[in-house]
Amino acid sequence: MMNIVIAVGEFLGFAWIPLCTAIVWLGGIIALLAIWIAEGRPQYQPGEGSIVFISDVGAHVAPLFISI
């Protein structure tokens, strides 16, 4: 098992840093999307706008939004 980890590290070099960062960021965005869907896809009030901004969803779950 350790040989595989070393081989992957040698193959990727320092590219694993942005790769891991991208995976964590994408996981956070998917979590926010899942929360928005679980809450019943809340929309703006009439006259405010027609799209939902990620910051509006993140306002309900601030610790997750800030950690992303």
PDB file of N, CA and C in Angstrom:
ATOM      1  N   MET A   1       0.829  -1.199   0.000  1.00  0.00           N
ATOM      2  CA  MET A   1       0.000   0.000   0.000  1.00  0.00           C
ATOM      3  C   MET A   1       0.867   1.255   0.000  1.00  0.00           C
ATOM      4  N   MET A   2       1.915   1.236   0.792  1.00  0.00           N
ATOM      5  CA  MET A   2       2.789   2.402   0.876  1.00  0.00           C
ATOM      6  C   MET A   2       3.494   2.661  -0.455  1.00  0.00           C
ATOM      7  N   ASN A   3       3.806   1.589  -1.189  1.00  0.00           N
ATOM      8  CA  ASN A   3       4.447   1.760  -2.494  1.00  0.00           C
ATOM      9  C   ASN A   3       3.536   2.492  -3.468  1.00  0.00           C
ATOM     10  N   ILE A   4       2.240   2.251  -3.369  1.00  0.00           N
ATOM     11  CA  ILE A   4       1.280   2.927  -4.246  1.00  0.00           C
ATOM     12  C   ILE A   4       1.243   4.414  -3.925  1.00  0.00           C
ATOM     13  N   VAL A   5       1.232   4.747  -2.639  1.00  0.00           N
ATOM     14  CA  VAL A   5       1.200   6.151  -2.227  1.00  0.00           C
ATOM     15  C   VAL A   5       2.453   6.869  -2.701  1.00  0.00           C
ATOM     16  N   ILE A   6       3.599   6.240  -2.565  1.00  0.00           N
ATOM     17  CA  ILE A   6       4.850   6.846  -3.014  1.00  0.00           C
ATOM     18  C   ILE A   6       4.853   6.997  -4.530  1.00  0.00           C
ATOM     19  N   ALA A   7       4.354   5.994  -5.240  1.00  0.00           N
ATOM     20  CA  ALA A   7       4.320   6.062  -6.703  1.00  0.00           C
ATOM     21  C   ALA A   7       3.398   7.185  -7.175  1.00  0.00           C
ATOM     22  N   VAL A   8       2.257   7.347  -6.534  1.00  0.00           N
ATOM     23  CA  VAL A   8       1.340   8.418  -6.907  1.00  0.00           C
ATOM     24  C   VAL A   8       1.976   9.769  -6.595  1.00  0.00           C
ATOM     25  N   GLY A   9       2.650   9.877  -5.465  1.00  0.00           N
ATOM     26  CA  GLY A   9       3.325  11.120  -5.098  1.00  0.00           C
ATOM     27  C   GLY A   9       4.414  11.489  -6.088  1.00  0.00           C
ATOM     28  N   GLU A  10       5.147  10.499  -6.551  1.00  0.00           N
ATOM     29  CA  GLU A  10       6.189  10.766  -7.542  1.00  0.00           C
ATOM     30  C   GLU A  10       5.583  11.130  -8.888  1.00  0.00           C
ATOM     31  N   PHE A  11       4.466  10.541  -9.219  1.00  0.00           N
ATOM     32  CA  PHE A  11       3.820  10.817 -10.501  1.00  0.00           C
ATOM     33  C   PHE A  11       3.209  12.218 -10.528  1.00  0.00           C
ATOM     34  N   LEU A  12       2.536  12.588  -9.466  1.00  0.00           N
ATOM     35  CA  LEU A  12       1.854  13.877  -9.432  1.00  0.00           C
ATOM     36  C   LEU A  12       2.753  15.033  -9.013  1.00  0.00           C
ATOM     37  N   GLY A  13       3.806  14.748  -8.290  1.00  0.00           N
ATOM     38  CA  GLY A  13       4.642  15.826  -7.775  1.00  0.00           C
ATOM     39  C   GLY A  13       3.833  16.683  -6.820  1.00  0.00           C
ATOM     40  N   PHE A  14       3.857  18.006  -7.025  1.00  0.00           N
ATOM     41  CA  PHE A  14       3.071  18.891  -6.171  1.00  0.00           C
ATOM     42  C   PHE A  14       1.693  19.173  -6.751  1.00  0.00           C
ATOM     43  N   ALA A  15       1.308  18.484  -7.798  1.00  0.00           N
ATOM     44  CA  ALA A  15      -0.014  18.680  -8.378  1.00  0.00           C
ATOM     45  C   ALA A  15      -1.115  18.142  -7.468  1.00  0.00           C
ATOM     46  N   TRP A  16      -0.756  17.368  -6.458  1.00  0.00           N
ATOM     47  CA  TRP A  16      -1.775  16.837  -5.551  1.00  0.00           C
ATOM     48  C   TRP A  16      -2.389  17.947  -4.701  1.00  0.00           C
ATOM     49  N   ILE A  17      -1.672  19.042  -4.486  1.00  0.00           N
ATOM     50  CA  ILE A  17      -2.201  20.122  -3.645  1.00  0.00           C
ATOM     51  C   ILE A  17      -3.431  20.771  -4.294  1.00  0.00           C
ATOM     52  N   PRO A  18      -3.343  21.275  -5.535  1.00  0.00           N
ATOM     53  CA  PRO A  18      -4.558  21.843  -6.132  1.00  0.00           C
ATOM     54  C   PRO A  18      -5.618  20.786  -6.415  1.00  0.00           C
ATOM     55  N   LEU A  19      -5.200  19.558  -6.646  1.00  0.00           N
ATOM     56  CA  LEU A  19      -6.165  18.479  -6.880  1.00  0.00           C
ATOM     57  C   LEU A  19      -7.002  18.233  -5.626  1.00  0.00           C
ATOM     58  N   CYS A  20      -6.357  18.141  -4.479  1.00  0.00           N
ATOM     59  CA  CYS A  20      -7.094  17.953  -3.218  1.00  0.00           C
ATOM     60  C   CYS A  20      -7.968  19.164  -2.907  1.00  0.00           C
ATOM     61  N   THR A  21      -7.446  20.347  -3.175  1.00  0.00           N
ATOM     62  CA  THR A  21      -8.219  21.564  -2.946  1.00  0.00           C
ATOM     63  C   THR A  21      -9.475  21.590  -3.808  1.00  0.00           C
ATOM     64  N   ALA A  22      -9.329  21.200  -5.061  1.00  0.00           N
ATOM     65  CA  ALA A  22     -10.481  21.179  -5.974  1.00  0.00           C
ATOM     66  C   ALA A  22     -11.524  20.162  -5.519  1.00  0.00           C
ATOM     67  N   ILE A  23     -11.074  19.034  -5.025  1.00  0.00           N
ATOM     68  CA  ILE A  23     -12.008  17.996  -4.557  1.00  0.00           C
ATOM     69  C   ILE A  23     -12.786  18.495  -3.335  1.00  0.00           C
ATOM     70  N   VAL A  24     -12.095  19.154  -2.397  1.00  0.00           N
ATOM     71  CA  VAL A  24     -12.765  19.688  -1.206  1.00  0.00           C
ATOM     72  C   VAL A  24     -13.757  20.785  -1.603  1.00  0.00           C
ATOM     73  N   TRP A  25     -13.358  21.687  -2.502  1.00  0.00           N
ATOM     74  CA  TRP A  25     -14.230  22.774  -2.944  1.00  0.00           C
ATOM     75  C   TRP A  25     -15.472  22.220  -3.644  1.00  0.00           C
ATOM     76  N   LEU A  26     -15.263  21.257  -4.539  1.00  0.00           N
ATOM     77  CA  LEU A  26     -16.390  20.662  -5.255  1.00  0.00           C
ATOM     78  C   LEU A  26     -17.331  19.943  -4.286  1.00  0.00           C
ATOM     79  N   GLY A  27     -16.765  19.266  -3.295  1.00  0.00           N
ATOM     80  CA  GLY A  27     -17.598  18.616  -2.277  1.00  0.00           C
ATOM     81  C   GLY A  27     -18.441  19.616  -1.507  1.00  0.00           C
ATOM     82  N   GLY A  28     -17.862  20.779  -1.200  1.00  0.00           N
ATOM     83  CA  GLY A  28     -18.616  21.823  -0.501  1.00  0.00           C
ATOM     84  C   GLY A  28     -19.731  22.389  -1.352  1.00  0.00           C
ATOM     85  N   ILE A  29     -19.451  22.616  -2.631  1.00  0.00           N
ATOM     86  CA  ILE A  29     -20.486  23.134  -3.532  1.00  0.00           C
ATOM     87  C   ILE A  29     -21.618  22.123  -3.687  1.00  0.00           C
ATOM     88  N   ILE A  30     -21.275  20.852  -3.799  1.00  0.00           N
ATOM     89  CA  ILE A  30     -22.304  19.814  -3.906  1.00  0.00           C
ATOM     90  C   ILE A  30     -23.117  19.737  -2.621  1.00  0.00           C
ATOM     91  N   ALA A  31     -22.458  19.902  -1.470  1.00  0.00           N
ATOM     92  CA  ALA A  31     -23.181  19.896  -0.189  1.00  0.00           C
ATOM     93  C   ALA A  31     -24.157  21.064  -0.113  1.00  0.00           C
ATOM     94  N   LEU A  32     -23.723  22.258  -0.553  1.00  0.00           N
ATOM     95  CA  LEU A  32     -24.634  23.413  -0.553  1.00  0.00           C
ATOM     96  C   LEU A  32     -25.812  23.182  -1.495  1.00  0.00           C
ATOM     97  N   LEU A  33     -25.558  22.586  -2.634  1.00  0.00           N
ATOM     98  CA  LEU A  33     -26.639  22.275  -3.573  1.00  0.00           C
ATOM     99  C   LEU A  33     -27.611  21.277  -2.958  1.00  0.00           C
ATOM    100  N   ALA A  34     -27.093  20.269  -2.269  1.00  0.00           N
ATOM    101  CA  ALA A  34     -27.951  19.274  -1.625  1.00  0.00           C
ATOM    102  C   ALA A  34     -28.800  19.908  -0.524  1.00  0.00           C
ATOM    103  N   ILE A  35     -28.209  20.831   0.235  1.00  0.00           N
ATOM    104  CA  ILE A  35     -28.962  21.523   1.284  1.00  0.00           C
ATOM    105  C   ILE A  35     -30.076  22.365   0.670  1.00  0.00           C
ATOM    106  N   TRP A  36     -29.754  23.059  -0.412  1.00  0.00           N
ATOM    107  CA  TRP A  36     -30.760  23.887  -1.092  1.00  0.00           C
ATOM    108  C   TRP A  36     -31.924  23.031  -1.590  1.00  0.00           C
ATOM    109  N   ILE A  37     -31.612  21.862  -2.158  1.00  0.00           N
ATOM    110  CA  ILE A  37     -32.656  20.960  -2.649  1.00  0.00           C
ATOM    111  C   ILE A  37     -33.455  20.393  -1.477  1.00  0.00           C
ATOM    112  N   ALA A  38     -32.772  20.022  -0.386  1.00  0.00           N
ATOM    113  CA  ALA A  38     -33.463  19.454   0.780  1.00  0.00           C
ATOM    114  C   ALA A  38     -34.396  20.458   1.441  1.00  0.00           C
ATOM    115  N   GLU A  39     -34.077  21.750   1.332  1.00  0.00           N
ATOM    116  CA  GLU A  39     -34.939  22.781   1.912  1.00  0.00           C
ATOM    117  C   GLU A  39     -36.122  23.113   1.016  1.00  0.00           C
ATOM    118  N   GLY A  40     -36.251  22.446  -0.097  1.00  0.00           N
ATOM    119  CA  GLY A  40     -37.397  22.650  -0.972  1.00  0.00           C
ATOM    120  C   GLY A  40     -37.160  23.683  -2.063  1.00  0.00           C
ATOM    121  N   ARG A  41     -35.913  23.935  -2.392  1.00  0.00           N
ATOM    122  CA  ARG A  41     -35.532  24.880  -3.445  1.00  0.00           C
ATOM    123  C   ARG A  41     -36.148  26.261  -3.237  1.00  0.00           C
ATOM    124  N   PRO A  42     -35.855  26.881  -2.103  1.00  0.00           N
ATOM    125  CA  PRO A  42     -36.439  28.207  -1.847  1.00  0.00           C
ATOM    126  C   PRO A  42     -35.998  29.231  -2.899  1.00  0.00           C
ATOM    127  N   GLN A  43     -36.903  30.115  -3.250  1.00  0.00           N
ATOM    128  CA  GLN A  43     -36.655  31.134  -4.268  1.00  0.00           C
ATOM    129  C   GLN A  43     -36.722  32.515  -3.629  1.00  0.00           C
ATOM    130  N   TYR A  44     -36.321  33.525  -4.385  1.00  0.00           N
ATOM    131  CA  TYR A  44     -36.451  34.905  -3.939  1.00  0.00           C
ATOM    132  C   TYR A  44     -37.926  35.291  -3.873  1.00  0.00           C
ATOM    133  N   GLN A  45     -38.173  36.371  -3.151  1.00  0.00           N
ATOM    134  CA  GLN A  45     -39.501  36.956  -3.144  1.00  0.00           C
ATOM    135  C   GLN A  45     -39.731  37.632  -4.500  1.00  0.00           C
ATOM    136  N   PRO A  46     -40.970  37.769  -4.916  1.00  0.00           N
ATOM    137  CA  PRO A  46     -41.231  38.449  -6.198  1.00  0.00           C
ATOM    138  C   PRO A  46     -40.626  39.851  -6.217  1.00  0.00           C
ATOM    139  N   GLY A  47     -39.986  40.193  -7.312  1.00  0.00           N
ATOM    140  CA  GLY A  47     -39.378  41.500  -7.471  1.00  0.00           C
ATOM    141  C   GLY A  47     -37.917  41.569  -7.056  1.00  0.00           C
ATOM    142  N   GLU A  48     -37.373  40.525  -6.421  1.00  0.00           N
ATOM    143  CA  GLU A  48     -35.979  40.543  -5.983  1.00  0.00           C
ATOM    144  C   GLU A  48     -35.022  40.003  -7.027  1.00  0.00           C
ATOM    145  N   GLY A  49     -35.424  39.012  -7.752  1.00  0.00           N
ATOM    146  CA  GLY A  49     -34.545  38.395  -8.734  1.00  0.00           C
ATOM    147  C   GLY A  49     -35.062  37.026  -9.110  1.00  0.00           C
ATOM    148  N   SER A  50     -34.465  36.448 -10.116  1.00  0.00           N
ATOM    149  CA  SER A  50     -34.975  35.157 -10.585  1.00  0.00           C
ATOM    150  C   SER A  50     -34.015  34.008 -10.343  1.00  0.00           C
ATOM    151  N   ILE A  51     -32.783  34.286  -9.908  1.00  0.00           N
ATOM    152  CA  ILE A  51     -31.840  33.203  -9.652  1.00  0.00           C
ATOM    153  C   ILE A  51     -31.451  33.203  -8.184  1.00  0.00           C
ATOM    154  N   VAL A  52     -30.981  32.067  -7.716  1.00  0.00           N
ATOM    155  CA  VAL A  52     -30.549  31.934  -6.332  1.00  0.00           C
ATOM    156  C   VAL A  52     -29.026  32.014  -6.308  1.00  0.00           C
ATOM    157  N   PHE A  53     -28.495  32.910  -5.503  1.00  0.00           N
ATOM    158  CA  PHE A  53     -27.054  33.030  -5.366  1.00  0.00           C
ATOM    159  C   PHE A  53     -26.552  32.062  -4.309  1.00  0.00           C
ATOM    160  N   ILE A  54     -25.332  31.573  -4.495  1.00  0.00           N
ATOM    161  CA  ILE A  54     -24.775  30.613  -3.562  1.00  0.00           C
ATOM    162  C   ILE A  54     -24.624  31.210  -2.168  1.00  0.00           C
ATOM    163  N   SER A  55     -24.409  32.505  -2.085  1.00  0.00           N
ATOM    164  CA  SER A  55     -24.276  33.152  -0.779  1.00  0.00           C
ATOM    165  C   SER A  55     -25.595  33.131  -0.004  1.00  0.00           C
ATOM    166  N   ASP A  56     -26.720  33.131  -0.718  1.00  0.00           N
ATOM    167  CA  ASP A  56     -28.015  33.032  -0.034  1.00  0.00           C
ATOM    168  C   ASP A  56     -28.196  31.660   0.592  1.00  0.00           C
ATOM    169  N   VAL A  57     -27.771  30.631  -0.110  1.00  0.00           N
ATOM    170  CA  VAL A  57     -27.838  29.275   0.439  1.00  0.00           C
ATOM    171  C   VAL A  57     -26.834  29.148   1.579  1.00  0.00           C
ATOM    172  N   GLY A  58     -25.633  29.707   1.382  1.00  0.00           N
ATOM    173  CA  GLY A  58     -24.595  29.636   2.393  1.00  0.00           C
ATOM    174  C   GLY A  58     -24.931  30.384   3.661  1.00  0.00           C
ATOM    175  N   ALA A  59     -25.816  31.364   3.579  1.00  0.00           N
ATOM    176  CA  ALA A  59     -26.198  32.127   4.768  1.00  0.00           C
ATOM    177  C   ALA A  59     -26.923  31.249   5.782  1.00  0.00           C
ATOM    178  N   HIS A  60     -27.562  30.191   5.333  1.00  0.00           N
ATOM    179  CA  HIS A  60     -28.274  29.287   6.240  1.00  0.00           C
ATOM    180  C   HIS A  60     -27.329  28.314   6.924  1.00  0.00           C
ATOM    181  N   VAL A  61     -26.212  28.019   6.295  1.00  0.00           N
ATOM    182  CA  VAL A  61     -25.229  27.087   6.845  1.00  0.00           C
ATOM    183  C   VAL A  61     -23.862  27.762   6.798  1.00  0.00           C
ATOM    184  N   ALA A  62     -23.713  28.795   7.595  1.00  0.00           N
ATOM    185  CA  ALA A  62     -22.505  29.623   7.572  1.00  0.00           C
ATOM    186  C   ALA A  62     -21.208  28.841   7.818  1.00  0.00           C
ATOM    187  N   PRO A  63     -21.150  27.905   8.777  1.00  0.00           N
ATOM    188  CA  PRO A  63     -19.881  27.191   8.981  1.00  0.00           C
ATOM    189  C   PRO A  63     -19.406  26.424   7.724  1.00  0.00           C
ATOM    190  N   LEU A  64     -20.337  25.815   7.018  1.00  0.00           N
ATOM    191  CA  LEU A  64     -19.961  25.101   5.795  1.00  0.00           C
ATOM    192  C   LEU A  64     -19.540  26.085   4.722  1.00  0.00           C
ATOM    193  N   PHE A  65     -20.269  27.147   4.566  1.00  0.00           N
ATOM    194  CA  PHE A  65     -19.969  28.136   3.528  1.00  0.00           C
ATOM    195  C   PHE A  65     -18.624  28.801   3.787  1.00  0.00           C
ATOM    196  N   ILE A  66     -18.309  29.116   5.003  1.00  0.00           N
ATOM    197  CA  ILE A  66     -17.045  29.759   5.341  1.00  0.00           C
ATOM    198  C   ILE A  66     -15.884  28.789   5.173  1.00  0.00           C
ATOM    199  N   SER A  67     -16.103  27.523   5.481  1.00  0.00           N
ATOM    200  CA  SER A  67     -15.013  26.543   5.351  1.00  0.00           C
ATOM    201  C   SER A  67     -14.655  26.232   3.910  1.00  0.00           C
ATOM    202  N   ILE A  68     -15.566  26.495   2.987  1.00  0.00           N
ATOM    203  CA  ILE A  68     -15.259  26.272   1.578  1.00  0.00           C
ATOM    204  C   ILE A  68     -14.307  27.352   1.147  1.00  0.00           C
TER     205      ILE A  68
END
